Amino acid sequence: MKIVDLHCDTVMRFYRGEHLDGLSDSHISMDQLREGETLAQCFAIYVPTRGPADTPEKLEQARTYFDAAYAAYRRELRLCADRVAPAYTAADVERNEGEGKVSAILTVEDGVTLNGAIENVDGYFQKGVRMVALTWNWENSLGHPQSGDPAKHALGLKPFGLDCVRRMNELGIAVDVSHLSEGGFWDVAKNSTKPFIASHSCCRALCDIGRNLTDEQIRAVADSGGVIGLNYCNAFLHPVSRAFHDDRTAISELIRHLRHLVAVGGEDTAALGSDYDGIESTLEWGGCGGQQRLAEAIIREFGEKTAEKITHLNALRALKDIIGA
């Protein structure tokens, strides 16, 4: 079963000088991508500000990190060019598959380096970025992150954030609402003219944390034509009372959340967004190389046709509608 994964943090390892080919002690490597039958992997440049980038020095550090991580990502594409290739449109994914290559789709986790300048959105696009999570866990020039404080969680996008949503729609960059405040989520839902994506989130009805989506939010993503990539982090899957006492992610927990996603949002909304190499959970199937075990469980639960949608067709359809055929 082909897999399209909407989020991983493996670029951080590239930044540290490690290589996709031969990468060890990780959820993803070149061999694992092929063993796991990955059709397309979204590689996120996560910008680790560790707090609001509210001074020129912090912003410069964020830009420096972004540029170095981007260079490391491009280096890995060159080194593995015979087995992996960038994808900028849905047609690129199809072409790469025909050539026996895994597609790499570049994304950004935290638009902090946009820094209030709309021309920087165009800069992302020119670099090949095709999805941007507007925030991570800190306020930036676009808006506010999810929060356990209801008042903060209700804060919406800033005027620049709304400008970015419009420009991303025009260019063909997917708006990613994972990590965004609920107020910001609804600003995206009201203002985006294209489908939008939650690249790595789960169901709040089953695990009541701010990073997860309410049923109303799930329906809003579905109504937009977007998709929700299920996050494999144990703390997003277990009931909260268990999350801090059990670091394991069982396939049965993922199926439980997928069942809820399909029941609430429909079978065209559920997708996969592993958060590989960004989580410390002990995964029942090990990592990317063993993910066909998860695929087999999805087939058993939903049948072949719906399983194909969850594992790859829904994500491909949404990306085609957003970034182009």
Protein backbone atom coordinates (compact mmCIF):
# COMPACT_ATOMS: atom_id res chain seq x y z
CA MET A 1 0.00 0.00 0.00
CA LYS A 2 1.47 3.35 -1.04
CA ILE A 3 2.05 5.92 1.73
CA VAL A 4 1.97 9.71 1.61
CA ASP A 5 3.18 11.16 4.91
CA LEU A 6 2.37 14.83 5.54
CA HIS A 7 4.98 15.58 8.21
CA CYS A 8 8.37 14.52 9.53
CA ASP A 9 11.24 16.34 11.26
CA THR A 10 14.14 14.43 9.68
CA VAL A 11 15.60 17.65 8.22
CA MET A 12 16.88 18.41 11.73
CA ARG A 13 19.15 15.39 11.38
CA PHE A 14 20.36 16.59 7.98
CA TYR A 15 21.17 19.93 9.64
CA ARG A 16 23.36 18.05 12.15
CA GLY A 17 25.33 16.54 9.28
CA GLU A 18 23.64 13.12 9.14
CA HIS A 19 22.69 11.62 5.81
CA LEU A 20 19.41 10.14 4.59
CA ASP A 21 21.30 7.27 2.98
CA GLY A 22 22.48 5.21 5.94
CA LEU A 23 20.72 7.25 8.62
CA SER A 24 20.45 5.11 11.78
CA ASP A 25 18.58 5.32 15.07
CA SER A 26 15.84 7.26 13.29
CA HIS A 27 12.29 6.77 12.07
CA ILE A 28 13.30 7.57 8.49
CA SER A 29 16.20 6.66 6.24
CA MET A 30 16.53 6.10 2.51
CA ASP A 31 16.22 2.35 2.94
CA GLN A 32 13.22 2.70 5.26
CA LEU A 33 11.39 4.99 2.83
CA ARG A 34 11.62 2.30 0.18
CA GLU A 35 10.89 -0.61 2.53
CA GLY A 36 7.83 1.23 3.84
CA GLU A 37 6.54 1.85 0.29
CA THR A 38 6.56 5.62 0.74
CA LEU A 39 5.22 7.38 -2.33
CA ALA A 40 5.78 10.91 -1.02
CA GLN A 41 7.31 12.22 2.19
CA CYS A 42 6.79 15.78 3.38
CA PHE A 43 10.04 17.02 4.93
CA ALA A 44 9.52 19.94 7.31
CA ILE A 45 12.05 22.62 8.11
CA TYR A 46 11.19 23.15 11.77
CA VAL A 47 12.68 26.38 13.12
CA PRO A 48 13.61 25.84 16.81
CA THR A 49 13.25 29.34 18.25
CA ARG A 50 12.51 27.98 21.76
CA GLY A 51 10.49 31.14 22.45
CA PRO A 52 9.03 34.14 20.65
CA ALA A 53 11.47 35.53 18.07
CA ASP A 54 10.82 39.03 19.36
CA THR A 55 14.27 40.61 18.96
CA PRO A 56 16.44 41.22 15.88
CA GLU A 57 18.99 38.76 17.27
CA LYS A 58 16.45 35.94 17.64
CA LEU A 59 15.05 36.58 14.19
CA GLU A 60 18.53 36.49 12.69
CA GLN A 61 19.20 33.19 14.47
CA ALA A 62 15.95 31.80 13.02
CA ARG A 63 16.90 32.90 9.50
CA THR A 64 20.40 31.47 9.86
CA TYR A 65 19.01 28.13 11.00
CA PHE A 66 16.43 28.04 8.20
CA ASP A 67 19.05 28.73 5.52
CA ALA A 68 21.40 26.04 6.88
CA ALA A 69 18.59 23.47 7.19
CA TYR A 70 17.42 24.22 3.66
CA ALA A 71 20.98 23.78 2.35
CA ALA A 72 21.23 20.44 4.19
CA TYR A 73 17.91 19.27 2.69
CA ARG A 74 19.08 20.17 -0.82
CA ARG A 75 22.37 18.35 -0.16
CA GLU A 76 20.48 15.15 0.69
CA LEU A 77 18.39 15.41 -2.48
CA ARG A 78 21.61 15.62 -4.51
CA LEU A 79 23.23 12.71 -2.70
CA CYS A 80 20.16 10.47 -3.18
CA ALA A 81 19.12 11.77 -6.60
CA ASP A 82 18.89 8.27 -8.06
CA ARG A 83 16.24 7.24 -5.48
CA VAL A 84 14.49 10.42 -4.28
CA ALA A 85 13.41 13.55 -6.14
CA PRO A 86 11.65 16.79 -5.20
CA ALA A 87 7.97 17.23 -6.00
CA TYR A 88 6.48 20.67 -6.58
CA THR A 89 3.17 19.53 -8.11
CA ALA A 90 1.02 16.41 -8.05
CA ALA A 91 2.32 15.55 -11.52
CA ASP A 92 5.86 15.47 -10.11
CA VAL A 93 4.81 12.77 -7.64
CA GLU A 94 3.40 10.69 -10.48
CA ARG A 95 6.51 11.20 -12.62
CA ASN A 96 8.85 10.34 -9.76
CA GLU A 97 6.90 7.18 -9.04
CA GLY A 98 7.22 6.18 -12.69
CA GLU A 99 10.99 6.60 -12.37
CA GLY A 100 11.08 4.46 -9.24
CA LYS A 101 11.81 7.40 -6.94
CA VAL A 102 10.34 8.58 -3.64
CA SER A 103 8.96 12.13 -3.84
CA ALA A 104 10.20 14.69 -1.32
CA ILE A 105 7.88 17.62 -0.62
CA LEU A 106 9.41 20.54 1.28
CA THR A 107 7.35 22.12 4.06
CA VAL A 108 7.95 24.63 6.85
CA GLU A 109 6.93 24.23 10.49
CA ASP A 110 6.59 27.76 11.91
CA GLY A 111 6.43 30.76 9.57
CA VAL A 112 8.58 32.81 11.93
CA THR A 113 11.13 33.67 9.21
CA LEU A 114 8.40 35.32 7.11
CA ASN A 115 8.76 38.11 9.68
CA GLY A 116 6.04 40.44 8.46
CA ALA A 117 7.27 40.66 4.85
CA ILE A 118 4.86 39.22 2.29
CA GLU A 119 7.63 38.88 -0.30
CA ASN A 120 9.13 36.20 1.95
CA VAL A 121 6.15 33.96 1.12
CA ASP A 122 7.24 34.18 -2.52
CA GLY A 123 10.75 33.32 -1.36
CA TYR A 124 9.46 30.15 0.27
CA PHE A 125 7.68 29.19 -2.96
CA GLN A 126 10.79 29.76 -5.04
CA LYS A 127 12.73 27.46 -2.71
CA GLY A 128 10.17 24.72 -3.37
CA VAL A 129 8.15 25.02 -0.16
CA ARG A 130 4.62 23.71 -0.72
CA MET A 131 3.13 23.73 2.80
CA VAL A 132 3.61 26.05 5.78
CA ALA A 133 2.46 25.58 9.37
CA LEU A 134 1.70 29.19 10.28
CA THR A 135 2.99 28.83 13.85
CA TRP A 136 4.76 26.34 16.03
CA ASN A 137 4.36 26.71 19.80
CA TRP A 138 5.24 30.40 19.98
CA GLU A 139 3.62 33.62 18.82
CA ASN A 140 5.07 35.02 15.61
CA SER A 141 4.22 37.74 13.07
CA LEU A 142 1.37 35.62 11.64
CA GLY A 143 -0.51 34.68 14.78
CA HIS A 144 -0.70 32.62 17.93
CA PRO A 145 -0.12 28.94 18.75
CA GLN A 146 -2.44 26.51 20.48
CA SER A 147 -2.52 26.93 24.24
CA GLY A 148 -3.95 25.32 27.34
CA ASP A 149 -5.11 28.80 28.34
CA PRO A 150 -8.59 29.23 26.79
CA ALA A 151 -8.12 32.99 26.32
CA LYS A 152 -4.83 32.50 24.45
CA HIS A 153 -6.22 29.56 22.49
CA ALA A 154 -9.00 31.86 21.23
CA LEU A 155 -6.56 34.41 19.78
CA GLY A 156 -6.72 34.63 16.00
CA LEU A 157 -4.43 35.48 13.11
CA LYS A 158 -2.78 38.86 12.91
CA PRO A 159 -3.33 41.02 9.80
CA PHE A 160 -0.06 39.74 8.33
CA GLY A 161 -1.21 36.16 8.93
CA LEU A 162 -4.35 36.83 6.90
CA ASP A 163 -2.20 38.36 4.15
CA CYS A 164 -0.05 35.22 4.16
CA VAL A 165 -3.08 32.94 3.83
CA ARG A 166 -4.21 34.92 0.79
CA ARG A 167 -0.75 34.87 -0.80
CA MET A 168 -0.27 31.17 -0.10
CA ASN A 169 -3.62 30.49 -1.77
CA GLU A 170 -2.50 32.50 -4.82
CA LEU A 171 0.88 30.79 -5.13
CA GLY A 172 -0.16 27.24 -4.35
CA ILE A 173 1.26 26.69 -0.86
CA ALA A 174 -0.86 24.62 1.51
CA VAL A 175 -1.90 26.36 4.73
CA ASP A 176 -1.16 24.02 7.65
CA VAL A 177 -3.17 24.63 10.85
CA SER A 178 -1.41 22.09 13.08
CA HIS A 179 0.00 23.99 16.10
CA LEU A 180 -2.24 27.00 15.40
CA SER A 181 -4.57 28.46 18.03
CA GLU A 182 -8.24 27.63 17.66
CA GLY A 183 -8.96 31.28 16.90
CA GLY A 184 -6.33 31.19 14.17
CA PHE A 185 -7.82 27.95 12.83
CA TRP A 186 -11.21 29.61 12.36
CA ASP A 187 -9.59 32.62 10.70
CA VAL A 188 -8.03 30.21 8.17
CA ALA A 189 -11.35 28.40 7.71
CA LYS A 190 -13.14 31.69 7.02
CA ASN A 191 -10.52 33.24 4.75
CA SER A 192 -8.79 30.46 2.80
CA THR A 193 -10.10 30.08 -0.74
CA LYS A 194 -8.43 26.68 -1.07
CA PRO A 195 -8.52 23.51 1.01
CA PHE A 196 -6.32 23.64 4.10
CA ILE A 197 -4.46 20.93 5.97
CA ALA A 198 -3.72 19.84 9.53
CA SER A 199 -0.53 17.98 8.74
CA HIS A 200 -0.03 16.20 12.08
CA SER A 201 -2.93 16.36 14.52
CA CYS A 202 -5.38 13.94 16.16
CA CYS A 203 -8.92 13.97 17.58
CA ARG A 204 -9.67 16.03 20.69
CA ALA A 205 -12.77 13.99 21.45
CA LEU A 206 -10.43 11.06 22.16
CA CYS A 207 -7.51 12.99 23.69
CA ASP A 208 -8.39 16.41 25.09
CA ILE A 209 -5.32 18.55 24.35
CA GLY A 210 -5.08 21.81 22.42
CA ARG A 211 -2.97 20.31 19.62
CA ASN A 212 -5.84 18.03 18.67
CA LEU A 213 -8.91 19.05 16.66
CA THR A 214 -12.47 19.25 17.89
CA ASP A 215 -15.21 17.57 15.88
CA GLU A 216 -16.30 21.01 14.65
CA GLN A 217 -12.77 21.68 13.40
CA ILE A 218 -12.60 18.25 11.74
CA ARG A 219 -15.80 19.04 9.86
CA ALA A 220 -14.42 22.45 8.83
CA VAL A 221 -11.29 20.85 7.32
CA ALA A 222 -13.52 18.36 5.53
CA ASP A 223 -15.80 21.12 4.23
CA SER A 224 -12.77 22.92 2.77
CA GLY A 225 -11.68 19.79 0.91
CA GLY A 226 -8.61 19.50 3.08
CA VAL A 227 -7.15 16.58 5.02
CA ILE A 228 -5.93 15.77 8.52
CA GLY A 229 -2.70 13.81 8.85
CA LEU A 230 -2.83 11.60 11.93
CA ASN A 231 0.06 12.23 14.35
CA TYR A 232 1.75 9.14 15.81
CA CYS A 233 2.78 10.77 19.13
CA ASN A 234 1.50 8.78 22.10
CA ALA A 235 0.55 11.97 23.99
CA PHE A 236 -1.87 12.93 21.21
CA LEU A 237 -3.48 9.48 21.06
CA HIS A 238 -3.94 8.16 24.58
CA PRO A 239 -6.48 9.52 27.00
CA VAL A 240 -4.63 12.27 28.86
CA SER A 241 -4.58 10.24 32.08
CA ARG A 242 -2.36 7.65 30.33
CA ALA A 243 -0.20 9.85 28.13
CA PHE A 244 2.51 10.61 30.66
CA HIS A 245 2.81 7.05 31.88
CA ASP A 246 2.99 5.14 28.62
CA ASP A 247 5.30 6.22 25.76
CA ARG A 248 4.10 3.48 23.42
CA THR A 249 2.07 4.12 20.29
CA ALA A 250 0.00 1.09 19.42
CA ILE A 251 -1.53 0.55 16.00
CA SER A 252 -4.88 0.08 17.74
CA GLU A 253 -4.69 3.67 19.05
CA LEU A 254 -4.13 5.02 15.54
CA ILE A 255 -7.05 2.97 14.23
CA ARG A 256 -9.23 4.37 17.03
CA HIS A 257 -8.46 7.94 15.96
CA LEU A 258 -8.81 7.14 12.25
CA ARG A 259 -12.20 5.58 12.97
CA HIS A 260 -13.28 8.83 14.64
CA LEU A 261 -11.87 10.99 11.85
CA VAL A 262 -13.76 9.01 9.24
CA ALA A 263 -16.98 9.04 11.30
CA VAL A 264 -16.86 12.82 11.80
CA GLY A 265 -15.13 14.14 8.69
CA GLY A 266 -15.77 11.38 6.18
CA GLU A 267 -13.45 8.97 4.46
CA ASP A 268 -12.02 11.70 2.20
CA THR A 269 -10.56 13.69 5.13
CA ALA A 270 -8.33 11.18 6.95
CA ALA A 271 -4.64 11.00 6.06
CA LEU A 272 -1.29 10.25 7.70
CA GLY A 273 1.10 12.76 9.27
CA SER A 274 3.51 10.68 11.32
CA ASP A 275 5.74 13.32 12.93
CA TYR A 276 8.58 10.82 12.41
CA ASP A 277 11.86 11.96 14.00
CA GLY A 278 9.97 14.67 15.86
CA ILE A 279 8.46 12.40 18.52
CA GLU A 280 10.00 10.12 21.13
CA SER A 281 7.19 7.58 21.25
CA THR A 282 7.97 3.88 20.95
CA LEU A 283 6.11 2.93 17.77
CA GLU A 284 4.70 -0.60 17.57
CA TRP A 285 5.92 -0.93 13.95
CA GLY A 286 9.32 0.67 14.58
CA GLY A 287 9.30 3.45 12.00
CA CYS A 288 8.93 4.22 8.34
CA GLY A 289 10.37 0.90 7.26
CA GLY A 290 7.70 -1.06 9.12
CA GLN A 291 4.71 1.11 8.30
CA GLN A 292 3.11 -1.50 6.06
CA ARG A 293 2.02 -3.14 9.31
CA LEU A 294 -0.04 -0.01 9.95
CA ALA A 295 -1.31 -0.06 6.36
CA GLU A 296 -2.44 -3.67 6.78
CA ALA A 297 -4.37 -2.74 9.92
CA ILE A 298 -6.05 0.14 8.07
CA ILE A 299 -7.08 -2.28 5.30
CA ARG A 300 -8.53 -4.70 7.85
CA GLU A 301 -10.50 -1.92 9.54
CA PHE A 302 -11.76 0.04 6.54
CA GLY A 303 -11.35 -2.17 3.48
CA GLU A 304 -9.00 -1.72 0.53
CA LYS A 305 -10.76 1.22 -1.16
CA THR A 306 -11.00 3.45 1.93
CA ALA A 307 -7.52 2.37 3.07
CA GLU A 308 -6.09 3.66 -0.22
CA LYS A 309 -7.70 7.01 0.49
CA ILE A 310 -6.30 7.20 4.02
CA THR A 311 -2.78 6.07 3.15
CA HIS A 312 -2.23 8.23 0.06
CA LEU A 313 -5.13 9.19 -2.22
CA ASN A 314 -6.70 11.79 0.08
CA ALA A 315 -3.39 13.59 0.62
CA LEU A 316 -2.58 13.52 -3.09
CA ARG A 317 -6.01 14.88 -3.99
CA ALA A 318 -5.76 17.74 -1.49
CA LEU A 319 -2.23 18.62 -2.58
CA LYS A 320 -3.30 18.59 -6.22
CA ASP A 321 -6.14 20.99 -5.41
CA ILE A 322 -3.82 23.30 -3.47
CA ILE A 323 -0.40 23.22 -5.14
CA GLY A 324 -1.50 22.25 -8.63
CA ALA A 325 -1.71 19.30 -10.92
